């Protein structure tokens, strides 16, 4: 497998980040005009069959700036790393299919009237794939001053977010499970360089 190190490998990730910021701006501009876009972009079992596009648009939708910022920073780091070791095709497949699988788990397990937004499910898919592909990779997680394996950091992050109220543990679980399966597939079919 070849590894690319040029700036062009970041272009798809930057485009996804820009799209997320544009949707965030549109939601907030809409609020000033008393237009609530969230029901048309967010994923809900109650409206999914009338609005099936929401399984995709929900991945680009964030209401809170800090949620958006945390997701986009994690997307940048996980995405650029996975893209570098697997290539653009597998990065995009893991991200988007992971996000869709996350949405399906949300539709199956969450309240029918809840509306779910955010890129976290797709990002957990990237993290799950990286945990399988690079099991010995050490990372620092603020505020813990010692390095830990990436897979441990992902499991801790998942458990902490699961306990937080208002967070879609169903979406995170779906993304993580898909990412683990994708990582297993890639590990046995690609030969990562790391």
N, C-alpha and C. Protein backbone atom coordinates (compact mmCIF):
# COMPACT_ATOMS: atom_id res chain seq x y z
N UNK A 1 0.84 -1.18 0.00
CA UNK A 1 0.00 0.00 0.00
C UNK A 1 0.88 1.24 0.00
N UNK A 2 0.52 2.19 -0.81
CA UNK A 2 1.30 3.42 -0.86
C UNK A 2 0.78 4.42 0.15
N UNK A 3 1.66 5.27 0.59
CA UNK A 3 1.29 6.32 1.53
C UNK A 3 1.56 7.66 0.89
N UNK A 4 0.57 8.55 1.00
CA UNK A 4 0.73 9.89 0.44
C UNK A 4 0.95 10.87 1.57
N UNK A 5 1.78 11.87 1.34
CA UNK A 5 2.05 12.83 2.40
C UNK A 5 1.84 14.27 1.95
N UNK A 6 1.28 14.51 0.80
CA UNK A 6 1.06 15.87 0.31
C UNK A 6 -0.16 16.52 0.90
N UNK A 7 -0.30 17.83 0.68
CA UNK A 7 -1.45 18.57 1.19
C UNK A 7 -2.76 18.10 0.56
N UNK A 8 -2.71 17.54 -0.65
CA UNK A 8 -3.95 17.14 -1.31
C UNK A 8 -4.69 16.05 -0.54
N UNK A 9 -3.99 15.29 0.31
CA UNK A 9 -4.67 14.27 1.08
C UNK A 9 -5.60 14.88 2.14
N UNK A 10 -5.37 16.12 2.51
CA UNK A 10 -6.23 16.78 3.49
C UNK A 10 -7.44 17.45 2.87
N UNK A 11 -7.45 17.63 1.55
CA UNK A 11 -8.53 18.35 0.89
C UNK A 11 -9.92 17.81 1.22
N UNK A 12 -10.19 16.51 1.12
CA UNK A 12 -11.54 16.02 1.45
C UNK A 12 -11.92 16.30 2.90
N UNK A 13 -10.97 16.19 3.81
CA UNK A 13 -11.25 16.45 5.22
C UNK A 13 -11.59 17.92 5.42
N UNK A 14 -10.83 18.79 4.79
CA UNK A 14 -11.08 20.23 4.90
C UNK A 14 -12.45 20.56 4.31
N UNK A 15 -12.81 19.93 3.20
CA UNK A 15 -14.13 20.18 2.59
C UNK A 15 -15.25 19.74 3.54
N UNK A 16 -15.10 18.58 4.18
CA UNK A 16 -16.12 18.11 5.14
C UNK A 16 -16.22 19.10 6.30
N UNK A 17 -15.08 19.57 6.80
CA UNK A 17 -15.08 20.53 7.91
C UNK A 17 -15.76 21.82 7.49
N UNK A 18 -15.45 22.33 6.30
CA UNK A 18 -16.08 23.56 5.81
C UNK A 18 -17.59 23.39 5.68
N UNK A 19 -18.03 22.25 5.15
CA UNK A 19 -19.47 21.99 5.02
C UNK A 19 -20.15 22.00 6.39
N UNK A 20 -19.51 21.41 7.39
CA UNK A 20 -20.07 21.42 8.74
C UNK A 20 -20.19 22.84 9.28
N UNK A 21 -19.16 23.66 9.06
CA UNK A 21 -19.21 25.05 9.52
C UNK A 21 -20.28 25.84 8.76
N UNK A 22 -20.44 25.58 7.47
CA UNK A 22 -21.47 26.29 6.69
C UNK A 22 -22.87 25.94 7.17
N UNK A 23 -23.11 24.66 7.46
CA UNK A 23 -24.42 24.26 7.98
C UNK A 23 -24.65 24.89 9.35
N UNK A 24 -23.62 24.91 10.19
CA UNK A 24 -23.72 25.56 11.50
C UNK A 24 -24.10 27.04 11.34
N UNK A 25 -23.44 27.73 10.42
CA UNK A 25 -23.77 29.15 10.17
C UNK A 25 -25.20 29.30 9.67
N UNK A 26 -25.63 28.44 8.75
CA UNK A 26 -26.99 28.52 8.22
C UNK A 26 -28.02 28.33 9.33
N UNK A 27 -27.77 27.38 10.24
CA UNK A 27 -28.70 27.14 11.35
C UNK A 27 -28.80 28.39 12.22
N UNK A 28 -27.66 29.00 12.52
CA UNK A 28 -27.66 30.16 13.41
C UNK A 28 -28.20 31.41 12.73
N UNK A 29 -27.95 31.57 11.44
CA UNK A 29 -28.55 32.68 10.70
C UNK A 29 -30.06 32.48 10.62
N UNK A 30 -30.49 31.25 10.39
CA UNK A 30 -31.92 30.95 10.35
C UNK A 30 -32.61 31.28 11.66
N UNK A 31 -31.94 31.06 12.78
CA UNK A 31 -32.55 31.37 14.08
C UNK A 31 -32.85 32.86 14.22
N UNK A 32 -31.98 33.72 13.66
CA UNK A 32 -32.24 35.16 13.71
C UNK A 32 -33.48 35.53 12.91
N UNK A 33 -33.79 34.74 11.88
CA UNK A 33 -34.97 34.99 11.05
C UNK A 33 -36.16 34.13 11.50
N UNK A 34 -36.07 33.55 12.70
CA UNK A 34 -37.12 32.68 13.24
C UNK A 34 -37.41 31.47 12.34
N UNK A 35 -36.35 30.93 11.73
CA UNK A 35 -36.45 29.72 10.92
C UNK A 35 -35.64 28.64 11.63
N UNK A 36 -36.30 27.56 12.01
CA UNK A 36 -35.64 26.46 12.69
C UNK A 36 -35.34 25.36 11.66
N UNK A 37 -34.09 25.23 11.29
CA UNK A 37 -33.69 24.23 10.29
C UNK A 37 -33.46 22.84 10.88
N UNK A 38 -33.31 22.75 12.19
CA UNK A 38 -32.96 21.46 12.80
C UNK A 38 -33.94 20.34 12.49
N UNK A 39 -35.26 20.58 12.51
CA UNK A 39 -36.16 19.47 12.17
C UNK A 39 -36.02 18.97 10.73
N UNK A 40 -35.47 19.78 9.84
CA UNK A 40 -35.30 19.38 8.44
C UNK A 40 -33.94 18.75 8.17
N UNK A 41 -33.01 18.92 9.12
CA UNK A 41 -31.65 18.39 8.95
C UNK A 41 -31.32 17.26 9.92
N UNK A 42 -31.95 17.28 11.09
CA UNK A 42 -31.68 16.28 12.12
C UNK A 42 -32.40 14.97 11.85
N UNK A 43 -31.88 13.91 12.43
CA UNK A 43 -32.39 12.55 12.22
C UNK A 43 -33.39 12.19 13.31
N UNK A 44 -34.58 11.79 12.90
CA UNK A 44 -35.62 11.39 13.85
C UNK A 44 -36.41 10.22 13.25
N UNK A 45 -36.68 9.22 14.07
CA UNK A 45 -37.47 8.08 13.60
C UNK A 45 -38.88 8.53 13.19
N UNK A 46 -39.42 9.53 13.88
CA UNK A 46 -40.79 9.98 13.60
C UNK A 46 -40.93 10.58 12.20
N UNK A 47 -39.86 11.14 11.66
CA UNK A 47 -39.95 11.82 10.36
C UNK A 47 -39.06 11.21 9.29
N UNK A 48 -38.34 10.15 9.63
CA UNK A 48 -37.33 9.64 8.70
C UNK A 48 -37.91 9.22 7.34
N UNK A 49 -39.05 8.56 7.32
CA UNK A 49 -39.58 8.07 6.05
C UNK A 49 -40.10 9.21 5.17
N UNK A 50 -40.44 10.34 5.78
CA UNK A 50 -40.81 11.51 4.98
C UNK A 50 -39.57 12.33 4.60
N UNK A 51 -38.50 12.23 5.40
CA UNK A 51 -37.28 13.01 5.19
C UNK A 51 -36.04 12.10 5.27
N UNK A 52 -35.89 11.17 4.32
CA UNK A 52 -34.79 10.20 4.42
C UNK A 52 -33.40 10.82 4.28
N UNK A 53 -33.31 12.00 3.69
CA UNK A 53 -32.02 12.67 3.53
C UNK A 53 -31.37 13.00 4.88
N UNK A 54 -32.18 13.00 5.95
CA UNK A 54 -31.63 13.38 7.25
C UNK A 54 -30.60 12.41 7.79
N UNK A 55 -30.55 11.20 7.24
CA UNK A 55 -29.50 10.27 7.68
C UNK A 55 -28.13 10.77 7.24
N UNK A 56 -28.09 11.62 6.21
CA UNK A 56 -26.84 12.26 5.75
C UNK A 56 -26.71 13.65 6.36
N UNK A 57 -27.76 14.48 6.25
CA UNK A 57 -27.64 15.87 6.70
C UNK A 57 -27.38 15.98 8.19
N UNK A 58 -27.85 15.01 8.97
CA UNK A 58 -27.61 15.05 10.42
C UNK A 58 -26.12 14.98 10.74
N UNK A 59 -25.33 14.35 9.85
CA UNK A 59 -23.88 14.25 10.07
C UNK A 59 -23.18 15.59 9.90
N UNK A 60 -23.83 16.56 9.27
CA UNK A 60 -23.24 17.87 9.01
C UNK A 60 -23.85 18.94 9.90
N UNK A 61 -24.70 18.56 10.82
CA UNK A 61 -25.51 19.52 11.58
C UNK A 61 -25.07 19.57 13.04
N UNK A 62 -24.75 20.78 13.50
CA UNK A 62 -24.39 21.02 14.90
C UNK A 62 -25.06 22.32 15.34
N UNK A 63 -25.62 22.32 16.51
CA UNK A 63 -26.24 23.54 17.02
C UNK A 63 -25.26 24.31 17.89
N UNK A 64 -24.48 23.63 18.68
CA UNK A 64 -23.58 24.25 19.64
C UNK A 64 -22.17 24.36 19.06
N UNK A 65 -21.54 25.53 19.22
CA UNK A 65 -20.22 25.76 18.65
C UNK A 65 -19.18 24.80 19.23
N UNK A 66 -19.24 24.53 20.53
CA UNK A 66 -18.23 23.67 21.15
C UNK A 66 -18.36 22.22 20.69
N UNK A 67 -19.59 21.78 20.45
CA UNK A 67 -19.81 20.46 19.89
C UNK A 67 -19.22 20.38 18.49
N UNK A 68 -19.48 21.41 17.70
CA UNK A 68 -18.91 21.48 16.35
C UNK A 68 -17.39 21.49 16.39
N UNK A 69 -16.82 22.34 17.23
CA UNK A 69 -15.36 22.45 17.30
C UNK A 69 -14.72 21.14 17.74
N UNK A 70 -15.26 20.50 18.78
CA UNK A 70 -14.70 19.23 19.25
C UNK A 70 -14.77 18.17 18.15
N UNK A 71 -15.92 18.08 17.46
CA UNK A 71 -16.05 17.09 16.39
C UNK A 71 -15.10 17.38 15.24
N UNK A 72 -14.95 18.64 14.85
CA UNK A 72 -14.10 18.96 13.70
C UNK A 72 -12.62 18.77 14.01
N UNK A 73 -12.21 19.07 15.23
CA UNK A 73 -10.81 18.80 15.60
C UNK A 73 -10.52 17.30 15.60
N UNK A 74 -11.45 16.53 16.15
CA UNK A 74 -11.27 15.07 16.17
C UNK A 74 -11.31 14.52 14.75
N UNK A 75 -12.22 15.04 13.92
CA UNK A 75 -12.26 14.62 12.52
C UNK A 75 -10.93 14.92 11.83
N UNK A 76 -10.38 16.09 12.08
CA UNK A 76 -9.11 16.45 11.43
C UNK A 76 -8.00 15.47 11.81
N UNK A 77 -7.86 15.20 13.10
CA UNK A 77 -6.76 14.33 13.53
C UNK A 77 -7.00 12.87 13.16
N UNK A 78 -8.18 12.33 13.48
CA UNK A 78 -8.46 10.94 13.11
C UNK A 78 -8.51 10.78 11.59
N UNK A 79 -9.18 11.71 10.92
CA UNK A 79 -9.36 11.61 9.48
C UNK A 79 -8.05 11.69 8.72
N UNK A 80 -7.20 12.66 9.09
CA UNK A 80 -5.92 12.79 8.37
C UNK A 80 -5.04 11.57 8.60
N UNK A 81 -5.11 11.00 9.80
CA UNK A 81 -4.30 9.81 10.10
C UNK A 81 -4.81 8.60 9.33
N UNK A 82 -6.12 8.37 9.37
CA UNK A 82 -6.68 7.23 8.64
C UNK A 82 -6.48 7.39 7.14
N UNK A 83 -6.67 8.58 6.63
CA UNK A 83 -6.47 8.85 5.20
C UNK A 83 -5.03 8.54 4.79
N UNK A 84 -4.10 8.91 5.65
CA UNK A 84 -2.69 8.69 5.33
C UNK A 84 -2.34 7.20 5.27
N UNK A 85 -2.95 6.38 6.15
CA UNK A 85 -2.55 4.97 6.16
C UNK A 85 -3.41 4.08 5.28
N UNK A 86 -4.61 4.54 4.89
CA UNK A 86 -5.47 3.69 4.06
C UNK A 86 -5.75 4.27 2.69
N UNK A 87 -5.60 5.58 2.55
CA UNK A 87 -5.94 6.25 1.29
C UNK A 87 -7.33 6.87 1.36
N UNK A 88 -7.58 7.74 0.41
CA UNK A 88 -8.81 8.53 0.39
C UNK A 88 -10.07 7.67 0.32
N UNK A 89 -10.06 6.68 -0.54
CA UNK A 89 -11.26 5.86 -0.74
C UNK A 89 -11.73 5.22 0.57
N UNK A 90 -10.81 4.60 1.31
CA UNK A 90 -11.20 3.91 2.53
C UNK A 90 -11.51 4.88 3.65
N UNK A 91 -10.84 6.03 3.66
CA UNK A 91 -11.22 7.06 4.64
C UNK A 91 -12.67 7.49 4.41
N UNK A 92 -13.01 7.84 3.16
CA UNK A 92 -14.36 8.31 2.86
C UNK A 92 -15.41 7.23 3.11
N UNK A 93 -15.12 5.99 2.73
CA UNK A 93 -16.06 4.90 2.97
C UNK A 93 -16.29 4.69 4.47
N UNK A 94 -15.20 4.71 5.24
CA UNK A 94 -15.34 4.51 6.68
C UNK A 94 -16.14 5.64 7.30
N UNK A 95 -15.85 6.88 6.89
CA UNK A 95 -16.53 8.03 7.47
C UNK A 95 -18.03 8.03 7.13
N UNK A 96 -18.34 7.94 5.85
CA UNK A 96 -19.74 8.08 5.45
C UNK A 96 -20.58 6.84 5.75
N UNK A 97 -20.06 5.66 5.48
CA UNK A 97 -20.84 4.46 5.81
C UNK A 97 -20.94 4.33 7.33
N UNK A 98 -19.87 4.69 8.05
CA UNK A 98 -19.94 4.69 9.51
C UNK A 98 -21.00 5.65 10.03
N UNK A 99 -21.10 6.83 9.41
CA UNK A 99 -22.12 7.79 9.80
C UNK A 99 -23.52 7.28 9.50
N UNK A 100 -23.69 6.64 8.36
CA UNK A 100 -25.00 6.08 8.00
C UNK A 100 -25.37 4.92 8.92
N UNK A 101 -24.41 4.05 9.20
CA UNK A 101 -24.66 2.94 10.13
C UNK A 101 -25.02 3.48 11.51
N UNK A 102 -24.32 4.52 11.93
CA UNK A 102 -24.64 5.19 13.19
C UNK A 102 -26.09 5.66 13.18
N UNK A 103 -26.51 6.26 12.07
CA UNK A 103 -27.88 6.73 11.93
C UNK A 103 -28.89 5.59 12.02
N UNK A 104 -28.56 4.46 11.43
CA UNK A 104 -29.47 3.30 11.50
C UNK A 104 -29.63 2.80 12.94
N UNK A 105 -28.52 2.80 13.68
CA UNK A 105 -28.60 2.38 15.09
C UNK A 105 -29.44 3.39 15.89
N UNK A 106 -29.28 4.66 15.57
CA UNK A 106 -30.11 5.69 16.21
C UNK A 106 -31.59 5.42 15.93
N UNK A 107 -31.91 5.14 14.67
CA UNK A 107 -33.30 4.88 14.30
C UNK A 107 -33.86 3.66 15.02
N UNK A 108 -33.02 2.67 15.28
CA UNK A 108 -33.47 1.45 15.95
C UNK A 108 -33.60 1.61 17.46
N UNK A 109 -32.69 2.36 18.08
CA UNK A 109 -32.60 2.33 19.54
C UNK A 109 -33.01 3.61 20.26
N UNK A 110 -33.12 4.71 19.57
CA UNK A 110 -33.43 5.95 20.29
C UNK A 110 -34.94 6.21 20.32
N UNK A 111 -35.32 7.18 21.11
CA UNK A 111 -36.72 7.58 21.21
C UNK A 111 -37.23 8.02 19.84
N UNK A 112 -38.43 7.62 19.45
CA UNK A 112 -38.91 7.97 18.11
C UNK A 112 -39.06 9.46 17.87
N UNK A 113 -39.17 10.26 18.93
CA UNK A 113 -39.39 11.69 18.75
C UNK A 113 -38.15 12.53 19.01
N UNK A 114 -37.04 11.89 19.33
CA UNK A 114 -35.80 12.65 19.51
C UNK A 114 -35.23 13.03 18.15
N UNK A 115 -34.51 14.13 18.12
CA UNK A 115 -33.82 14.57 16.90
C UNK A 115 -32.33 14.51 17.20
N UNK A 116 -31.59 13.77 16.38
CA UNK A 116 -30.16 13.59 16.59
C UNK A 116 -29.39 14.32 15.51
N UNK A 117 -28.36 15.07 15.97
CA UNK A 117 -27.49 15.79 15.05
C UNK A 117 -26.04 15.57 15.47
N UNK A 118 -25.12 15.80 14.54
CA UNK A 118 -23.70 15.75 14.85
C UNK A 118 -22.95 14.70 14.05
N UNK A 119 -21.66 14.93 13.93
CA UNK A 119 -20.78 14.04 13.17
C UNK A 119 -20.14 12.98 14.04
N UNK A 120 -20.52 12.91 15.31
CA UNK A 120 -19.83 12.02 16.25
C UNK A 120 -19.86 10.55 15.85
N UNK A 121 -20.97 10.06 15.31
CA UNK A 121 -21.04 8.66 14.90
C UNK A 121 -20.02 8.34 13.82
N UNK A 122 -19.93 9.22 12.82
CA UNK A 122 -18.95 9.03 11.75
C UNK A 122 -17.53 9.12 12.29
N UNK A 123 -17.32 10.01 13.24
CA UNK A 123 -15.98 10.18 13.83
C UNK A 123 -15.63 8.98 14.69
N UNK A 124 -16.59 8.43 15.42
CA UNK A 124 -16.32 7.21 16.17
C UNK A 124 -15.98 6.05 15.22
N UNK A 125 -16.54 6.06 14.01
CA UNK A 125 -16.18 5.03 13.03
C UNK A 125 -14.70 5.16 12.66
N UNK A 126 -14.22 6.39 12.48
CA UNK A 126 -12.79 6.59 12.20
C UNK A 126 -11.96 6.12 13.38
N UNK A 127 -12.38 6.47 14.60
CA UNK A 127 -11.64 6.05 15.79
C UNK A 127 -11.61 4.54 15.96
N UNK A 128 -12.74 3.89 15.70
CA UNK A 128 -12.78 2.44 15.80
C UNK A 128 -11.84 1.77 14.80
N UNK A 129 -11.84 2.29 13.57
CA UNK A 129 -10.94 1.73 12.55
C UNK A 129 -9.48 1.93 12.95
N UNK A 130 -9.14 3.12 13.45
CA UNK A 130 -7.76 3.38 13.87
C UNK A 130 -7.36 2.52 15.05
N UNK A 131 -8.29 2.26 15.96
CA UNK A 131 -7.98 1.42 17.13
C UNK A 131 -7.57 0.02 16.71
N UNK A 132 -8.19 -0.48 15.64
CA UNK A 132 -7.83 -1.81 15.14
C UNK A 132 -6.56 -1.76 14.30
N UNK A 133 -6.43 -0.73 13.47
CA UNK A 133 -5.28 -0.64 12.56
C UNK A 133 -3.98 -0.29 13.28
N UNK A 134 -4.06 0.48 14.35
CA UNK A 134 -2.85 0.94 15.06
C UNK A 134 -3.00 0.68 16.56
N UNK A 135 -3.09 -0.58 16.96
CA UNK A 135 -3.39 -0.88 18.36
C UNK A 135 -2.32 -0.41 19.35
N UNK A 136 -1.09 -0.24 18.90
CA UNK A 136 -0.02 0.17 19.82
C UNK A 136 0.24 1.68 19.81
N UNK A 137 -0.49 2.42 19.00
CA UNK A 137 -0.29 3.86 18.92
C UNK A 137 -0.62 4.51 20.25
N UNK A 138 0.30 5.34 20.76
CA UNK A 138 0.10 6.04 22.04
C UNK A 138 -0.32 7.48 21.76
N UNK A 139 -1.27 7.96 22.55
CA UNK A 139 -1.75 9.34 22.42
C UNK A 139 -1.82 9.97 23.81
N UNK A 140 -1.79 11.30 23.83
CA UNK A 140 -2.02 12.05 25.05
C UNK A 140 -3.44 12.58 25.01
N UNK A 141 -4.15 12.45 26.12
CA UNK A 141 -5.50 12.96 26.23
C UNK A 141 -5.52 13.94 27.40
N UNK A 142 -5.83 15.19 27.11
CA UNK A 142 -5.89 16.20 28.15
C UNK A 142 -7.00 15.86 29.14
N UNK A 143 -6.79 15.93 30.41
CA UNK A 143 -5.65 16.44 31.17
C UNK A 143 -4.72 15.35 31.71
N UNK A 144 -4.83 14.14 31.18
CA UNK A 144 -4.01 13.02 31.67
C UNK A 144 -2.59 13.19 31.14
N UNK A 145 -1.59 13.26 32.05
CA UNK A 145 -0.22 13.60 31.63
C UNK A 145 0.62 12.43 31.11
N UNK A 146 0.03 11.26 30.94
CA UNK A 146 0.80 10.11 30.44
C UNK A 146 0.16 9.58 29.16
N UNK A 147 0.98 9.06 28.25
CA UNK A 147 0.40 8.51 27.01
C UNK A 147 -0.36 7.22 27.29
N UNK A 148 -1.39 7.01 26.46
CA UNK A 148 -2.17 5.77 26.57
C UNK A 148 -2.43 5.26 25.16
N UNK A 149 -2.70 3.97 25.01
CA UNK A 149 -3.04 3.46 23.68
C UNK A 149 -4.29 4.16 23.15
N UNK A 150 -4.31 4.40 21.85
CA UNK A 150 -5.45 5.08 21.22
C UNK A 150 -6.74 4.34 21.52
N UNK A 151 -6.72 3.02 21.47
CA UNK A 151 -7.96 2.27 21.70
C UNK A 151 -8.50 2.51 23.10
N UNK A 152 -7.61 2.69 24.09
CA UNK A 152 -8.05 2.98 25.45
C UNK A 152 -8.70 4.36 25.50
N UNK A 153 -8.08 5.33 24.84
CA UNK A 153 -8.63 6.69 24.79
C UNK A 153 -10.02 6.69 24.15
N UNK A 154 -10.20 5.90 23.10
CA UNK A 154 -11.50 5.85 22.42
C UNK A 154 -12.55 5.20 23.32
N UNK A 155 -12.19 4.13 24.00
CA UNK A 155 -13.14 3.47 24.91
C UNK A 155 -13.51 4.41 26.06
N UNK A 156 -12.52 5.10 26.64
CA UNK A 156 -12.80 6.04 27.72
C UNK A 156 -13.71 7.17 27.22
N UNK A 157 -13.39 7.71 26.02
CA UNK A 157 -14.23 8.75 25.44
C UNK A 157 -15.66 8.28 25.23
N UNK A 158 -15.80 7.08 24.73
CA UNK A 158 -17.14 6.52 24.51
C UNK A 158 -17.90 6.40 25.83
N UNK A 159 -17.24 5.87 26.86
CA UNK A 159 -17.91 5.67 28.15
C UNK A 159 -18.30 7.01 28.79
N UNK A 160 -17.40 7.99 28.73
CA UNK A 160 -17.72 9.31 29.29
C UNK A 160 -18.89 9.94 28.57
N UNK A 161 -18.86 9.91 27.23
CA UNK A 161 -19.96 10.51 26.46
C UNK A 161 -21.28 9.76 26.66
N UNK A 162 -21.21 8.46 26.89
CA UNK A 162 -22.42 7.67 27.14
C UNK A 162 -23.13 8.12 28.41
N UNK A 163 -22.36 8.55 29.39
CA UNK A 163 -22.93 8.96 30.67
C UNK A 163 -23.47 10.39 30.65
N UNK A 164 -23.15 11.16 29.63
CA UNK A 164 -23.59 12.55 29.57
C UNK A 164 -25.04 12.63 29.10
N UNK A 165 -25.85 13.45 29.78
CA UNK A 165 -27.25 13.58 29.35
C UNK A 165 -27.34 14.31 28.01
N UNK A 166 -28.31 13.91 27.20
CA UNK A 166 -28.54 14.57 25.92
C UNK A 166 -27.60 14.16 24.81
N UNK A 167 -26.74 13.18 25.07
CA UNK A 167 -25.77 12.72 24.07
C UNK A 167 -26.28 11.40 23.49
N UNK A 168 -26.18 11.25 22.19
CA UNK A 168 -26.67 10.05 21.52
C UNK A 168 -25.66 8.91 21.64
N UNK A 169 -25.76 8.15 22.73
CA UNK A 169 -24.87 7.01 22.88
C UNK A 169 -25.15 5.99 21.77
N UNK A 170 -26.39 5.97 21.27
CA UNK A 170 -26.75 5.03 20.21
C UNK A 170 -25.94 5.33 18.94
N UNK A 171 -25.83 6.61 18.61
CA UNK A 171 -25.05 7.00 17.43
C UNK A 171 -23.57 6.71 17.59
N UNK A 172 -23.05 6.97 18.78
CA UNK A 172 -21.64 6.69 19.04
C UNK A 172 -21.37 5.19 18.97
N UNK A 173 -22.29 4.41 19.55
CA UNK A 173 -22.14 2.94 19.51
C UNK A 173 -22.17 2.43 18.08
N UNK A 174 -23.12 2.90 17.29
CA UNK A 174 -23.21 2.45 15.90
C UNK A 174 -21.96 2.78 15.11
N UNK A 175 -21.47 4.02 15.27
CA UNK A 175 -20.25 4.42 14.57
C UNK A 175 -19.05 3.61 15.01
N UNK A 176 -18.92 3.41 16.31
CA UNK A 176 -17.78 2.65 16.84
C UNK A 176 -17.81 1.21 16.35
N UNK A 177 -18.97 0.57 16.39
CA UNK A 177 -19.06 -0.82 15.93
C UNK A 177 -18.69 -0.93 14.45
N UNK A 178 -19.22 0.00 13.63
CA UNK A 178 -18.86 -0.04 12.22
C UNK A 178 -17.37 0.18 12.04
N UNK A 179 -16.81 1.14 12.77
CA UNK A 179 -15.37 1.42 12.65
C UNK A 179 -14.53 0.22 13.02
N UNK A 180 -14.92 -0.51 14.07
CA UNK A 180 -14.16 -1.71 14.44
C UNK A 180 -14.21 -2.75 13.33
N UNK A 181 -15.39 -2.93 12.73
CA UNK A 181 -15.51 -3.88 11.61
C UNK A 181 -14.69 -3.41 10.40
N UNK A 182 -14.76 -2.12 10.12
CA UNK A 182 -13.98 -1.58 8.99
C UNK A 182 -12.49 -1.74 9.25
N UNK A 183 -12.06 -1.46 10.48
CA UNK A 183 -10.65 -1.62 10.83
C UNK A 183 -10.20 -3.07 10.69
N UNK A 184 -11.05 -3.99 11.13
CA UNK A 184 -10.72 -5.41 10.98
C UNK A 184 -10.57 -5.77 9.51
N UNK A 185 -11.52 -5.32 8.67
CA UNK A 185 -11.45 -5.59 7.24
C UNK A 185 -10.18 -4.99 6.64
N UNK A 186 -9.90 -3.74 6.94
CA UNK A 186 -8.73 -3.07 6.37
C UNK A 186 -7.44 -3.71 6.85
N UNK A 187 -7.41 -4.10 8.10
CA UNK A 187 -6.19 -4.72 8.65
C UNK A 187 -5.86 -6.02 7.93
N UNK A 188 -6.89 -6.75 7.53
CA UNK A 188 -6.66 -8.03 6.87
C UNK A 188 -6.56 -7.92 5.36
N UNK A 189 -6.89 -6.76 4.82
CA UNK A 189 -6.85 -6.61 3.37
C UNK A 189 -5.92 -5.52 2.88
N UNK A 190 -5.44 -4.64 3.75
CA UNK A 190 -4.56 -3.56 3.29
C UNK A 190 -3.12 -3.67 3.81
N UNK A 191 -2.67 -3.91 4.78
CA UNK A 191 -1.32 -3.77 5.33
C UNK A 191 -0.98 -2.32 5.62
N UNK A 192 -1.47 -1.76 6.70
CA UNK A 192 -1.14 -0.40 7.04
C UNK A 192 0.35 -0.22 7.29
N UNK A 193 0.87 0.95 7.02
CA UNK A 193 2.29 1.22 7.17
C UNK A 193 2.68 1.53 8.60
N UNK A 194 1.72 1.69 9.49
CA UNK A 194 2.05 2.05 10.89
C UNK A 194 1.70 0.90 11.79
